[in-house]
């Protein structure tokens, strides 16, 4: 009953098989392997972007930080939500890799609005040498609260950014979960909606550890290569990153694992409503559920071995009926039987 994170689940057997298959003979190092050639071509095909620059790194933090470093100067500020991963969970890595660029929070929740974004942008006076300069917009799709931007919402935000000549980066750690939920194409959710660069996450969706960084403007390619090397994120035995991404994209596995994770999330959310005192905090759109349960129910779950995020107070002391918030994340491998076991423990 582990709902701690989709990072915690196993890699899909097909990914492991792809790595094993790549583990034969010799291949050029540092991204010049022939597998990467096929990965690059496949991603360009999927995104309908034949000129896109495509690179692989091992972590989402590296993807976000290196990509933003190519879009922001050290004296710029990056506009993001208050809940953004780059703000809350990356130990100032974006600031470090950009050489000191600031983060400006637009709004208070996990989703940006055009009005909130424009207010944040105009709060910095353009051309004033004493303040941060306006830099890129950073979106998270799906958001840290498990919600998604529809295509028209993305277009509305990028329109504001472009009004001020600012590029847009999309943190796509759960890109595919959002994609299958919307039922659109990768191109429709990115460059056709005004996004300039995106990370295509694999680590949370069945891979061992690989993220693709895609620049729809290939003029950023050489800078990214230099920053990736200088930042110590260029693998010498790169073929093992390439093999993961190749296996991930083969036969639509990336879509299959995301659909499974989303379906498990929907099933868990439905079953949660059977528990006395349960409250679902946000519409469940992908594979993450935020909910509240009474402290006594959390005590039963933890005693039964359930693993998940718990917020708002101590588990072991306080009013047993007091509601505590939780985050539950389903990965591709969780089963309905495990979800049923979780619900039984809560009851």
C-alpha atoms as a PDB file:
ATOM      1  CA  UNK A   1       0.000   0.000   0.000  1.00  0.00           C
ATOM      2  CA  UNK A   2       2.589   2.520  -1.100  1.00  0.00           C
ATOM      3  CA  UNK A   3       1.141   5.786  -2.366  1.00  0.00           C
ATOM      4  CA  UNK A   4       4.136   7.908  -1.397  1.00  0.00           C
ATOM      5  CA  UNK A   5       5.117   8.919  -4.945  1.00  0.00           C
ATOM      6  CA  UNK A   6       5.248   7.615  -8.487  1.00  0.00           C
ATOM      7  CA  UNK A   7       9.023   7.921  -7.972  1.00  0.00           C
ATOM      8  CA  UNK A   8       8.794   5.028  -5.516  1.00  0.00           C
ATOM      9  CA  UNK A   9       7.406   2.416  -7.894  1.00  0.00           C
ATOM     10  CA  UNK A  10       9.347  -0.077  -9.996  1.00  0.00           C
ATOM     11  CA  UNK A  11      10.618   0.496 -13.488  1.00  0.00           C
ATOM     12  CA  UNK A  12       8.524  -1.130 -16.177  1.00  0.00           C
ATOM     13  CA  UNK A  13       9.961  -4.472 -17.393  1.00  0.00           C
ATOM     14  CA  UNK A  14      10.067  -3.154 -20.946  1.00  0.00           C
ATOM     15  CA  UNK A  15      12.387  -0.356 -19.815  1.00  0.00           C
ATOM     16  CA  UNK A  16      14.701  -2.844 -18.114  1.00  0.00           C
ATOM     17  CA  UNK A  17      14.645  -5.028 -21.226  1.00  0.00           C
ATOM     18  CA  UNK A  18      15.635  -2.023 -23.363  1.00  0.00           C
ATOM     19  CA  UNK A  19      18.584  -1.284 -21.071  1.00  0.00           C
ATOM     20  CA  UNK A  20      19.700  -4.923 -21.125  1.00  0.00           C
ATOM     21  CA  UNK A  21      19.446  -4.968 -24.919  1.00  0.00           C
ATOM     22  CA  UNK A  22      21.630  -1.855 -25.067  1.00  0.00           C
ATOM     23  CA  UNK A  23      24.200  -3.486 -22.803  1.00  0.00           C
ATOM     24  CA  UNK A  24      26.022  -5.264 -25.579  1.00  0.00           C
ATOM     25  CA  UNK A  25      29.110  -4.309 -27.513  1.00  0.00           C
ATOM     26  CA  UNK A  26      30.377  -0.780 -27.860  1.00  0.00           C
ATOM     27  CA  UNK A  27      28.662   2.537 -28.507  1.00  0.00           C
ATOM     28  CA  UNK A  28      30.008   6.077 -28.822  1.00  0.00           C
ATOM     29  CA  UNK A  29      29.859   7.953 -25.522  1.00  0.00           C
ATOM     30  CA  UNK A  30      28.451  11.293 -24.328  1.00  0.00           C
ATOM     31  CA  UNK A  31      25.241  11.205 -26.336  1.00  0.00           C
ATOM     32  CA  UNK A  32      26.674  10.197 -29.690  1.00  0.00           C
ATOM     33  CA  UNK A  33      25.234   6.675 -29.458  1.00  0.00           C
ATOM     34  CA  UNK A  34      23.055   5.414 -32.291  1.00  0.00           C
ATOM     35  CA  UNK A  35      20.183   4.776 -29.884  1.00  0.00           C
ATOM     36  CA  UNK A  36      20.037   8.509 -29.156  1.00  0.00           C
ATOM     37  CA  UNK A  37      19.748   9.192 -32.879  1.00  0.00           C
ATOM     38  CA  UNK A  38      16.579   7.090 -32.931  1.00  0.00           C
ATOM     39  CA  UNK A  39      15.238   8.703 -29.744  1.00  0.00           C
ATOM     40  CA  UNK A  40      15.765  12.178 -31.170  1.00  0.00           C
ATOM     41  CA  UNK A  41      13.971  11.254 -34.377  1.00  0.00           C
ATOM     42  CA  UNK A  42      11.082   9.677 -32.446  1.00  0.00           C
ATOM     43  CA  UNK A  43      10.567  12.689 -30.187  1.00  0.00           C
ATOM     44  CA  UNK A  44      10.677  15.058 -33.152  1.00  0.00           C
ATOM     45  CA  UNK A  45       8.038  12.906 -34.833  1.00  0.00           C
ATOM     46  CA  UNK A  46       5.790  12.772 -31.745  1.00  0.00           C
ATOM     47  CA  UNK A  47       5.999  16.521 -31.210  1.00  0.00           C
ATOM     48  CA  UNK A  48       5.696  17.334 -34.932  1.00  0.00           C
ATOM     49  CA  UNK A  49       8.876  19.379 -34.583  1.00  0.00           C
ATOM     50  CA  UNK A  50      11.493  18.221 -37.097  1.00  0.00           C
ATOM     51  CA  UNK A  51      14.015  20.905 -36.093  1.00  0.00           C
ATOM     52  CA  UNK A  52      13.678  20.518 -32.310  1.00  0.00           C
ATOM     53  CA  UNK A  53      16.807  20.090 -30.194  1.00  0.00           C
ATOM     54  CA  UNK A  54      16.437  17.019 -27.946  1.00  0.00           C
ATOM     55  CA  UNK A  55      18.620  16.095 -24.972  1.00  0.00           C
ATOM     56  CA  UNK A  56      18.486  13.616 -22.097  1.00  0.00           C
ATOM     57  CA  UNK A  57      19.343  14.037 -18.433  1.00  0.00           C
ATOM     58  CA  UNK A  58      18.804  11.758 -15.466  1.00  0.00           C
ATOM     59  CA  UNK A  59      16.684  13.928 -13.155  1.00  0.00           C
ATOM     60  CA  UNK A  60      13.817  16.375 -13.288  1.00  0.00           C
ATOM     61  CA  UNK A  61      15.763  18.946 -11.304  1.00  0.00           C
ATOM     62  CA  UNK A  62      18.533  18.879 -13.901  1.00  0.00           C
ATOM     63  CA  UNK A  63      16.015  19.191 -16.720  1.00  0.00           C
ATOM     64  CA  UNK A  64      14.273  22.183 -15.140  1.00  0.00           C
ATOM     65  CA  UNK A  65      17.409  23.973 -14.016  1.00  0.00           C
ATOM     66  CA  UNK A  66      19.444  23.550 -17.190  1.00  0.00           C
ATOM     67  CA  UNK A  67      16.532  24.451 -19.448  1.00  0.00           C
ATOM     68  CA  UNK A  68      15.717  27.598 -17.455  1.00  0.00           C
ATOM     69  CA  UNK A  69      19.402  28.548 -17.476  1.00  0.00           C
ATOM     70  CA  UNK A  70      19.184  28.689 -21.265  1.00  0.00           C
ATOM     71  CA  UNK A  71      16.099  30.919 -21.117  1.00  0.00           C
ATOM     72  CA  UNK A  72      17.026  33.289 -18.270  1.00  0.00           C
ATOM     73  CA  UNK A  73      19.939  35.630 -17.638  1.00  0.00           C
ATOM     74  CA  UNK A  74      21.394  35.811 -14.094  1.00  0.00           C
ATOM     75  CA  UNK A  75      19.717  39.172 -13.578  1.00  0.00           C
ATOM     76  CA  UNK A  76      16.281  37.944 -14.690  1.00  0.00           C
ATOM     77  CA  UNK A  77      13.358  36.634 -12.676  1.00  0.00           C
ATOM     78  CA  UNK A  78      11.426  33.474 -13.581  1.00  0.00           C
ATOM     79  CA  UNK A  79       7.645  33.682 -13.204  1.00  0.00           C
ATOM     80  CA  UNK A  80       6.088  30.575 -11.639  1.00  0.00           C
ATOM     81  CA  UNK A  81       3.299  29.456  -9.317  1.00  0.00           C
ATOM     82  CA  UNK A  82       3.685  29.459  -5.544  1.00  0.00           C
ATOM     83  CA  UNK A  83       3.451  25.651  -5.576  1.00  0.00           C
ATOM     84  CA  UNK A  84       5.955  25.139  -8.406  1.00  0.00           C
ATOM     85  CA  UNK A  85       8.508  22.386  -7.986  1.00  0.00           C
ATOM     86  CA  UNK A  86      11.273  24.842  -8.896  1.00  0.00           C
ATOM     87  CA  UNK A  87      10.137  26.987  -5.965  1.00  0.00           C
ATOM     88  CA  UNK A  88       9.482  24.388  -3.260  1.00  0.00           C
ATOM     89  CA  UNK A  89      11.459  21.264  -4.021  1.00  0.00           C
ATOM     90  CA  UNK A  90      14.712  21.931  -5.829  1.00  0.00           C
ATOM     91  CA  UNK A  91      16.972  23.436  -3.152  1.00  0.00           C
ATOM     92  CA  UNK A  92      17.627  26.590  -5.226  1.00  0.00           C
ATOM     93  CA  UNK A  93      18.980  24.521  -8.134  1.00  0.00           C
ATOM     94  CA  UNK A  94      17.287  26.790 -10.718  1.00  0.00           C
ATOM     95  CA  UNK A  95      18.837  29.846  -9.075  1.00  0.00           C
ATOM     96  CA  UNK A  96      22.205  28.077  -8.947  1.00  0.00           C
ATOM     97  CA  UNK A  97      22.235  26.921 -12.569  1.00  0.00           C
ATOM     98  CA  UNK A  98      20.942  30.227 -13.915  1.00  0.00           C
ATOM     99  CA  UNK A  99      23.713  32.029 -12.065  1.00  0.00           C
ATOM    100  CA  UNK A 100      21.377  33.767  -9.665  1.00  0.00           C
ATOM    101  CA  UNK A 101      18.079  34.396 -11.479  1.00  0.00           C
ATOM    102  CA  UNK A 102      15.257  35.144  -9.072  1.00  0.00           C
ATOM    103  CA  UNK A 103      11.863  33.394  -8.871  1.00  0.00           C
ATOM    104  CA  UNK A 104       8.750  35.570  -8.796  1.00  0.00           C
ATOM    105  CA  UNK A 105       5.567  33.867  -7.591  1.00  0.00           C
ATOM    106  CA  UNK A 106       2.428  34.714  -9.550  1.00  0.00           C
ATOM    107  CA  UNK A 107      -0.657  33.968  -7.466  1.00  0.00           C
ATOM    108  CA  UNK A 108      -1.009  31.754  -4.418  1.00  0.00           C
ATOM    109  CA  UNK A 109      -2.059  28.344  -5.751  1.00  0.00           C
ATOM    110  CA  UNK A 110      -0.714  25.693  -8.091  1.00  0.00           C
ATOM    111  CA  UNK A 111      -2.221  27.117 -11.303  1.00  0.00           C
ATOM    112  CA  UNK A 112      -1.369  30.444 -12.832  1.00  0.00           C
ATOM    113  CA  UNK A 113      -3.950  32.769 -14.339  1.00  0.00           C
ATOM    114  CA  UNK A 114      -3.338  35.277 -17.147  1.00  0.00           C
ATOM    115  CA  UNK A 115      -4.358  38.132 -14.853  1.00  0.00           C
ATOM    116  CA  UNK A 116      -2.050  37.003 -12.036  1.00  0.00           C
ATOM    117  CA  UNK A 117       0.811  36.452 -14.448  1.00  0.00           C
ATOM    118  CA  UNK A 118       0.463  39.879 -16.030  1.00  0.00           C
ATOM    119  CA  UNK A 119       0.338  41.500 -12.603  1.00  0.00           C
ATOM    120  CA  UNK A 120       3.533  39.680 -11.609  1.00  0.00           C
ATOM    121  CA  UNK A 121       5.302  40.651 -14.835  1.00  0.00           C
ATOM    122  CA  UNK A 122       4.374  44.312 -14.606  1.00  0.00           C
ATOM    123  CA  UNK A 123       5.424  44.463 -10.949  1.00  0.00           C
ATOM    124  CA  UNK A 124       9.004  44.561 -12.296  1.00  0.00           C
ATOM    125  CA  UNK A 125       9.723  47.809 -14.112  1.00  0.00           C
ATOM    126  CA  UNK A 126      11.306  47.071 -17.457  1.00  0.00           C
ATOM    127  CA  UNK A 127      14.704  48.632 -17.916  1.00  0.00           C
ATOM    128  CA  UNK A 128      15.232  49.619 -14.282  1.00  0.00           C
ATOM    129  CA  UNK A 129      18.848  48.681 -13.547  1.00  0.00           C
ATOM    130  CA  UNK A 130      18.122  48.386  -9.823  1.00  0.00           C
ATOM    131  CA  UNK A 131      15.660  45.473 -10.063  1.00  0.00           C
ATOM    132  CA  UNK A 132      15.324  42.022 -11.612  1.00  0.00           C
ATOM    133  CA  UNK A 133      14.622  41.970 -15.315  1.00  0.00           C
ATOM    134  CA  UNK A 134      11.628  40.105 -16.694  1.00  0.00           C
ATOM    135  CA  UNK A 135      12.472  36.509 -17.543  1.00  0.00           C
ATOM    136  CA  UNK A 136      10.734  33.312 -18.646  1.00  0.00           C
ATOM    137  CA  UNK A 137       7.396  31.888 -17.603  1.00  0.00           C
ATOM    138  CA  UNK A 138       7.606  28.406 -16.034  1.00  0.00           C
ATOM    139  CA  UNK A 139       4.510  26.155 -16.021  1.00  0.00           C
ATOM    140  CA  UNK A 140       4.104  22.717 -14.440  1.00  0.00           C
ATOM    141  CA  UNK A 141       1.980  20.191 -16.335  1.00  0.00           C
ATOM    142  CA  UNK A 142       0.412  18.431 -14.453  1.00  0.00           C
ATOM    143  CA  UNK A 143       0.668  20.749 -11.450  1.00  0.00           C
ATOM    144  CA  UNK A 144       2.004  19.871  -8.029  1.00  0.00           C
ATOM    145  CA  UNK A 145      -1.617  19.529  -6.824  1.00  0.00           C
ATOM    146  CA  UNK A 146      -2.478  17.080  -9.570  1.00  0.00           C
ATOM    147  CA  UNK A 147      -4.380  19.510 -11.758  1.00  0.00           C
ATOM    148  CA  UNK A 148      -3.885  20.166 -15.448  1.00  0.00           C
ATOM    149  CA  UNK A 149      -3.867  23.178 -17.717  1.00  0.00           C
ATOM    150  CA  UNK A 150      -6.105  22.664 -20.723  1.00  0.00           C
ATOM    151  CA  UNK A 151      -4.717  23.774 -24.073  1.00  0.00           C
ATOM    152  CA  UNK A 152      -6.652  27.050 -24.055  1.00  0.00           C
ATOM    153  CA  UNK A 153      -5.319  27.855 -20.569  1.00  0.00           C
ATOM    154  CA  UNK A 154      -1.757  27.280 -21.770  1.00  0.00           C
ATOM    155  CA  UNK A 155      -2.379  29.488 -24.802  1.00  0.00           C
ATOM    156  CA  UNK A 156      -3.782  32.257 -22.612  1.00  0.00           C
ATOM    157  CA  UNK A 157      -0.698  32.211 -20.374  1.00  0.00           C
ATOM    158  CA  UNK A 158       1.832  32.076 -23.201  1.00  0.00           C
ATOM    159  CA  UNK A 159       0.000  34.930 -24.919  1.00  0.00           C
ATOM    160  CA  UNK A 160       0.655  37.088 -21.866  1.00  0.00           C
ATOM    161  CA  UNK A 161       4.305  36.003 -21.809  1.00  0.00           C
ATOM    162  CA  UNK A 162       4.752  36.758 -25.497  1.00  0.00           C
ATOM    163  CA  UNK A 163       3.147  40.179 -25.014  1.00  0.00           C
ATOM    164  CA  UNK A 164       6.263  40.994 -22.968  1.00  0.00           C
ATOM    165  CA  UNK A 165       8.658  39.020 -25.232  1.00  0.00           C
ATOM    166  CA  UNK A 166       9.184  36.310 -22.600  1.00  0.00           C
ATOM    167  CA  UNK A 167       9.732  32.602 -23.400  1.00  0.00           C
ATOM    168  CA  UNK A 168       7.760  29.790 -21.758  1.00  0.00           C
ATOM    169  CA  UNK A 169       9.165  26.616 -20.241  1.00  0.00           C
ATOM    170  CA  UNK A 170       6.988  23.650 -19.259  1.00  0.00           C
ATOM    171  CA  UNK A 171       8.055  21.335 -16.431  1.00  0.00           C
ATOM    172  CA  UNK A 172       6.664  18.052 -17.752  1.00  0.00           C
ATOM    173  CA  UNK A 173       7.634  15.655 -14.976  1.00  0.00           C
ATOM    174  CA  UNK A 174       4.068  14.273 -15.329  1.00  0.00           C
ATOM    175  CA  UNK A 175       3.661  15.469 -18.913  1.00  0.00           C
ATOM    176  CA  UNK A 176       2.163  12.224 -20.172  1.00  0.00           C
ATOM    177  CA  UNK A 177      -0.368  11.935 -17.355  1.00  0.00           C
ATOM    178  CA  UNK A 178      -1.675  15.354 -18.395  1.00  0.00           C
ATOM    179  CA  UNK A 179      -1.487  14.500 -22.094  1.00  0.00           C
ATOM    180  CA  UNK A 180      -3.661  11.388 -21.874  1.00  0.00           C
ATOM    181  CA  UNK A 181      -6.102  13.152 -19.537  1.00  0.00           C
ATOM    182  CA  UNK A 182      -6.585  15.939 -22.095  1.00  0.00           C
ATOM    183  CA  UNK A 183      -6.619  13.627 -25.100  1.00  0.00           C
ATOM    184  CA  UNK A 184      -4.547  16.049 -27.168  1.00  0.00           C
ATOM    185  CA  UNK A 185      -1.250  15.681 -29.022  1.00  0.00           C
ATOM    186  CA  UNK A 186       2.192  16.629 -27.647  1.00  0.00           C
ATOM    187  CA  UNK A 187       2.394  19.432 -30.204  1.00  0.00           C
ATOM    188  CA  UNK A 188      -1.000  20.826 -29.212  1.00  0.00           C
ATOM    189  CA  UNK A 189       0.021  20.933 -25.544  1.00  0.00           C
ATOM    190  CA  UNK A 190       3.390  22.574 -26.238  1.00  0.00           C
ATOM    191  CA  UNK A 191       4.682  24.591 -29.189  1.00  0.00           C
ATOM    192  CA  UNK A 192       1.304  24.988 -30.872  1.00  0.00           C
ATOM    193  CA  UNK A 193       0.097  26.541 -27.603  1.00  0.00           C
ATOM    194  CA  UNK A 194       3.132  28.841 -27.390  1.00  0.00           C
ATOM    195  CA  UNK A 195       5.557  26.776 -25.270  1.00  0.00           C
ATOM    196  CA  UNK A 196       9.230  27.246 -26.198  1.00  0.00           C
ATOM    197  CA  UNK A 197      10.823  24.387 -24.240  1.00  0.00           C
ATOM    198  CA  UNK A 198       9.553  21.395 -22.299  1.00  0.00           C
ATOM    199  CA  UNK A 199      10.779  18.451 -20.278  1.00  0.00           C
ATOM    200  CA  UNK A 200       9.252  15.072 -21.124  1.00  0.00           C
ATOM    201  CA  UNK A 201       9.355  13.128 -17.870  1.00  0.00           C
ATOM    202  CA  UNK A 202      10.092   9.418 -17.716  1.00  0.00           C
ATOM    203  CA  UNK A 203      11.220   8.817 -14.138  1.00  0.00           C
ATOM    204  CA  UNK A 204       7.716   9.148 -12.642  1.00  0.00           C
ATOM    205  CA  UNK A 205       6.071   7.100 -15.381  1.00  0.00           C
ATOM    206  CA  UNK A 206       7.916   3.786 -15.470  1.00  0.00           C
ATOM    207  CA  UNK A 207      11.533   4.622 -16.300  1.00  0.00           C
ATOM    208  CA  UNK A 208      14.569   4.106 -14.074  1.00  0.00           C
ATOM    209  CA  UNK A 209      15.648   7.725 -14.344  1.00  0.00           C
ATOM    210  CA  UNK A 210      15.520   9.758 -17.564  1.00  0.00           C
ATOM    211  CA  UNK A 211      14.011  13.056 -18.697  1.00  0.00           C
ATOM    212  CA  UNK A 212      14.068  14.565 -22.172  1.00  0.00           C
ATOM    213  CA  UNK A 213      14.592  18.308 -22.611  1.00  0.00           C
ATOM    214  CA  UNK A 214      13.142  19.640 -25.850  1.00  0.00           C
ATOM    215  CA  UNK A 215      13.820  23.081 -27.311  1.00  0.00           C
ATOM    216  CA  UNK A 216      11.533  23.959 -30.194  1.00  0.00           C
ATOM    217  CA  UNK A 217      13.997  26.734 -31.062  1.00  0.00           C
ATOM    218  CA  UNK A 218      17.190  24.836 -31.956  1.00  0.00           C
ATOM    219  CA  UNK A 219      19.282  27.978 -31.477  1.00  0.00           C
ATOM    220  CA  UNK A 220      19.417  27.032 -27.779  1.00  0.00           C
ATOM    221  CA  UNK A 221      20.980  23.633 -28.514  1.00  0.00           C
ATOM    222  CA  UNK A 222      24.669  24.479 -28.167  1.00  0.00           C
ATOM    223  CA  UNK A 223      24.141  26.470 -24.985  1.00  0.00           C
ATOM    224  CA  UNK A 224      22.259  23.551 -23.430  1.00  0.00           C
ATOM    225  CA  UNK A 225      25.054  21.166 -24.385  1.00  0.00           C
ATOM    226  CA  UNK A 226      27.617  23.410 -22.722  1.00  0.00           C
ATOM    227  CA  UNK A 227      25.512  23.893 -19.606  1.00  0.00           C
ATOM    228  CA  UNK A 228      24.793  20.174 -19.325  1.00  0.00           C
ATOM    229  CA  UNK A 229      28.510  19.346 -19.496  1.00  0.00           C
ATOM    230  CA  UNK A 230      29.543  22.192 -17.177  1.00  0.00           C
ATOM    231  CA  UNK A 231      26.843  21.178 -14.715  1.00  0.00           C
ATOM    232  CA  UNK A 232      28.104  17.559 -14.619  1.00  0.00           C
ATOM    233  CA  UNK A 233      24.900  16.135 -16.126  1.00  0.00           C
ATOM    234  CA  UNK A 234      26.369  14.703 -19.336  1.00  0.00           C
ATOM    235  CA  UNK A 235      26.569  10.917 -18.943  1.00  0.00           C
ATOM    236  CA  UNK A 236      29.586   9.217 -20.461  1.00  0.00           C
ATOM    237  CA  UNK A 237      27.671   5.939 -20.904  1.00  0.00           C
ATOM    238  CA  UNK A 238      24.758   7.876 -22.315  1.00  0.00           C
ATOM    239  CA  UNK A 239      23.334   4.874 -24.144  1.00  0.00           C
ATOM    240  CA  UNK A 240      21.670   3.739 -20.911  1.00  0.00           C
ATOM    241  CA  UNK A 241      19.671   6.957 -20.803  1.00  0.00           C
ATOM    242  CA  UNK A 242      18.904   6.616 -24.508  1.00  0.00           C
ATOM    243  CA  UNK A 243      17.803   3.007 -24.080  1.00  0.00           C
ATOM    244  CA  UNK A 244      15.355   3.940 -21.344  1.00  0.00           C
ATOM    245  CA  UNK A 245      13.769   6.654 -23.474  1.00  0.00           C
ATOM    246  CA  UNK A 246      13.681   4.389 -26.503  1.00  0.00           C
ATOM    247  CA  UNK A 247      11.900   1.664 -24.519  1.00  0.00           C
ATOM    248  CA  UNK A 248       9.580   4.248 -22.978  1.00  0.00           C
ATOM    249  CA  UNK A 249       8.401   5.585 -26.327  1.00  0.00           C
ATOM    250  CA  UNK A 250       8.261   2.218 -28.107  1.00  0.00           C
ATOM    251  CA  UNK A 251       4.795   0.787 -28.821  1.00  0.00           C
ATOM    252  CA  UNK A 252       3.196   3.707 -26.916  1.00  0.00           C
ATOM    253  CA  UNK A 253       4.389   2.384 -23.557  1.00  0.00           C
ATOM    254  CA  UNK A 254       4.663   5.965 -22.230  1.00  0.00           C
ATOM    255  CA  UNK A 255       0.931   6.461 -22.929  1.00  0.00           C
ATOM    256  CA  UNK A 256      -0.032   3.081 -21.511  1.00  0.00           C
ATOM    257  CA  UNK A 257       1.736   3.599 -18.180  1.00  0.00           C
ATOM    258  CA  UNK A 258       0.233   7.081 -17.794  1.00  0.00           C
ATOM    259  CA  UNK A 259      -3.261   5.789 -18.518  1.00  0.00           C
ATOM    260  CA  UNK A 260      -2.801   3.050 -15.939  1.00  0.00           C
ATOM    261  CA  UNK A 261      -1.587   5.498 -13.291  1.00  0.00           C
ATOM    262  CA  UNK A 262      -4.445   7.912 -14.000  1.00  0.00           C
ATOM    263  CA  UNK A 263      -7.019   5.105 -13.904  1.00  0.00           C
ATOM    264  CA  UNK A 264      -5.650   3.900 -10.562  1.00  0.00           C
ATOM    265  CA  UNK A 265      -5.878   7.465  -9.247  1.00  0.00           C
ATOM    266  CA  UNK A 266      -9.509   7.735 -10.321  1.00  0.00           C
ATOM    267  CA  UNK A 267     -10.353   4.374  -8.724  1.00  0.00           C
ATOM    268  CA  UNK A 268      -8.647   5.318  -5.459  1.00  0.00           C
ATOM    269  CA  UNK A 269     -10.458   8.674  -5.355  1.00  0.00           C
ATOM    270  CA  UNK A 270     -13.797   6.955  -5.899  1.00  0.00           C
ATOM    271  CA  UNK A 271     -13.142   4.475  -3.100  1.00  0.00           C
ATOM    272  CA  UNK A 272     -11.939   7.194  -0.732  1.00  0.00           C
ATOM    273  CA  UNK A 273     -15.417   8.703  -0.744  1.00  0.00           C
ATOM    274  CA  UNK A 274     -16.655   5.562   1.043  1.00  0.00           C
ATOM    275  CA  UNK A 275     -14.653   6.472   4.157  1.00  0.00           C
ATOM    276  CA  UNK A 276     -16.386   8.415   6.899  1.00  0.00           C
ATOM    277  CA  UNK A 277     -15.099  11.975   7.107  1.00  0.00           C
ATOM    278  CA  UNK A 278     -13.216  11.837   3.790  1.00  0.00           C
ATOM    279  CA  UNK A 279     -12.899  15.050   1.790  1.00  0.00           C
ATOM    280  CA  UNK A 280     -11.312  15.261  -1.675  1.00  0.00           C
ATOM    281  CA  UNK A 281      -9.527  18.619  -1.928  1.00  0.00           C
ATOM    282  CA  UNK A 282      -9.104  18.991  -5.701  1.00  0.00           C
ATOM    283  CA  UNK A 283     -10.692  17.478  -8.772  1.00  0.00           C
ATOM    284  CA  UNK A 284      -8.731  14.307  -9.516  1.00  0.00           C
ATOM    285  CA  UNK A 285      -7.421  14.769 -13.045  1.00  0.00           C
ATOM    286  CA  UNK A 286      -4.286  12.639 -13.138  1.00  0.00           C
ATOM    287  CA  UNK A 287      -2.665  10.163 -10.739  1.00  0.00           C
ATOM    288  CA  UNK A 288      -2.477  12.373  -7.620  1.00  0.00           C
ATOM    289  CA  UNK A 289      -5.137  12.717  -4.940  1.00  0.00           C
ATOM    290  CA  UNK A 290      -5.170  15.333  -2.208  1.00  0.00           C
ATOM    291  CA  UNK A 291      -7.681  14.570   0.532  1.00  0.00           C
ATOM    292  CA  UNK A 292      -8.456  14.966   4.227  1.00  0.00           C
ATOM    293  CA  UNK A 293      -9.235  12.203   6.689  1.00  0.00           C
ATOM    294  CA  UNK A 294      -9.712  12.236  10.468  1.00  0.00           C
ATOM    295  CA  UNK A 295      -6.533  11.742  12.503  1.00  0.00           C
ATOM    296  CA  UNK A 296      -7.901   8.435  13.864  1.00  0.00           C
ATOM    297  CA  UNK A 297      -8.303   7.108  10.313  1.00  0.00           C
ATOM    298  CA  UNK A 298      -4.728   8.088   9.463  1.00  0.00           C
ATOM    299  CA  UNK A 299      -3.582   6.196  12.568  1.00  0.00           C
ATOM    300  CA  UNK A 300      -5.361   3.063  11.321  1.00  0.00           C
ATOM    301  CA  UNK A 301      -3.801   3.416   7.886  1.00  0.00           C
ATOM    302  CA  UNK A 302      -0.281   3.927   9.168  1.00  0.00           C
ATOM    303  CA  UNK A 303      -0.692   1.014  11.592  1.00  0.00           C
ATOM    304  CA  UNK A 304      -1.735  -1.097   8.616  1.00  0.00           C
ATOM    305  CA  UNK A 305       1.452  -0.220   6.730  1.00  0.00           C
ATOM    306  CA  UNK A 306       0.130   2.429   4.334  1.00  0.00           C
ATOM    307  CA  UNK A 307       2.680   4.901   2.947  1.00  0.00           C
ATOM    308  CA  UNK A 308       1.633   8.384   1.766  1.00  0.00           C
ATOM    309  CA  UNK A 309       2.249  12.056   2.431  1.00  0.00           C
ATOM    310  CA  UNK A 310       0.680  13.507   5.582  1.00  0.00           C
ATOM    311  CA  UNK A 311       0.295  17.210   6.403  1.00  0.00           C
ATOM    312  CA  UNK A 312      -1.329  19.671   8.824  1.00  0.00           C
ATOM    313  CA  UNK A 313      -0.297  18.227  12.168  1.00  0.00           C
ATOM    314  CA  UNK A 314       1.187  15.361  14.174  1.00  0.00           C
ATOM    315  CA  UNK A 315      -0.158  11.859  13.683  1.00  0.00           C
ATOM    316  CA  UNK A 316       0.144  10.603  17.254  1.00  0.00           C
ATOM    317  CA  UNK A 317      -1.328  13.442  19.303  1.00  0.00           C
ATOM    318  CA  UNK A 318      -4.369  15.677  19.095  1.00  0.00           C
ATOM    319  CA  UNK A 319      -8.091  15.399  18.498  1.00  0.00           C
ATOM    320  CA  UNK A 320      -8.782  11.996  16.858  1.00  0.00           C
ATOM    321  CA  UNK A 321     -11.516  13.574  14.726  1.00  0.00           C
ATOM    322  CA  UNK A 322      -9.376  16.489  13.523  1.00  0.00           C
ATOM    323  CA  UNK A 323      -8.896  16.360   9.717  1.00  0.00           C
ATOM    324  CA  UNK A 324      -5.349  15.961   8.419  1.00  0.00           C
ATOM    325  CA  UNK A 325      -4.421  16.418   4.761  1.00  0.00           C
ATOM    326  CA  UNK A 326      -2.780  13.721   2.694  1.00  0.00           C
ATOM    327  CA  UNK A 327      -1.243  13.234  -0.730  1.00  0.00           C
ATOM    328  CA  UNK A 328      -1.675   9.916  -2.489  1.00  0.00           C
ATOM    329  CA  UNK A 329       0.105   9.146  -5.759  1.00  0.00           C
ATOM    330  CA  UNK A 330      -0.564   6.114  -7.941  1.00  0.00           C
ATOM    331  CA  UNK A 331       2.039   4.756 -10.324  1.00  0.00           C
ATOM    332  CA  UNK A 332       1.528   2.385 -13.238  1.00  0.00           C
ATOM    333  CA  UNK A 333       2.216  -0.727 -11.131  1.00  0.00           C
ATOM    334  CA  UNK A 334      -0.247  -0.259  -8.264  1.00  0.00           C
ATOM    335  CA  UNK A 335      -3.167  -2.694  -8.309  1.00  0.00           C
ATOM    336  CA  UNK A 336      -6.837  -2.368  -7.472  1.00  0.00           C
ATOM    337  CA  UNK A 337      -6.291  -5.079  -4.849  1.00  0.00           C
ATOM    338  CA  UNK A 338      -3.769  -2.825  -3.058  1.00  0.00           C
ATOM    339  CA  UNK A 339      -6.184   0.088  -3.255  1.00  0.00           C
ATOM    340  CA  UNK A 340      -8.956  -2.097  -1.834  1.00  0.00           C
ATOM    341  CA  UNK A 341      -6.613  -3.158   0.979  1.00  0.00           C
ATOM    342  CA  UNK A 342      -5.917   0.523   1.725  1.00  0.00           C
ATOM    343  CA  UNK A 343      -9.643   1.318   1.920  1.00  0.00           C
ATOM    344  CA  UNK A 344     -10.265  -1.690   4.148  1.00  0.00           C
ATOM    345  CA  UNK A 345      -7.545  -0.536   6.535  1.00  0.00           C
ATOM    346  CA  UNK A 346      -9.118   2.921   6.700  1.00  0.00           C
ATOM    347  CA  UNK A 347     -12.513   1.472   7.467  1.00  0.00           C
END
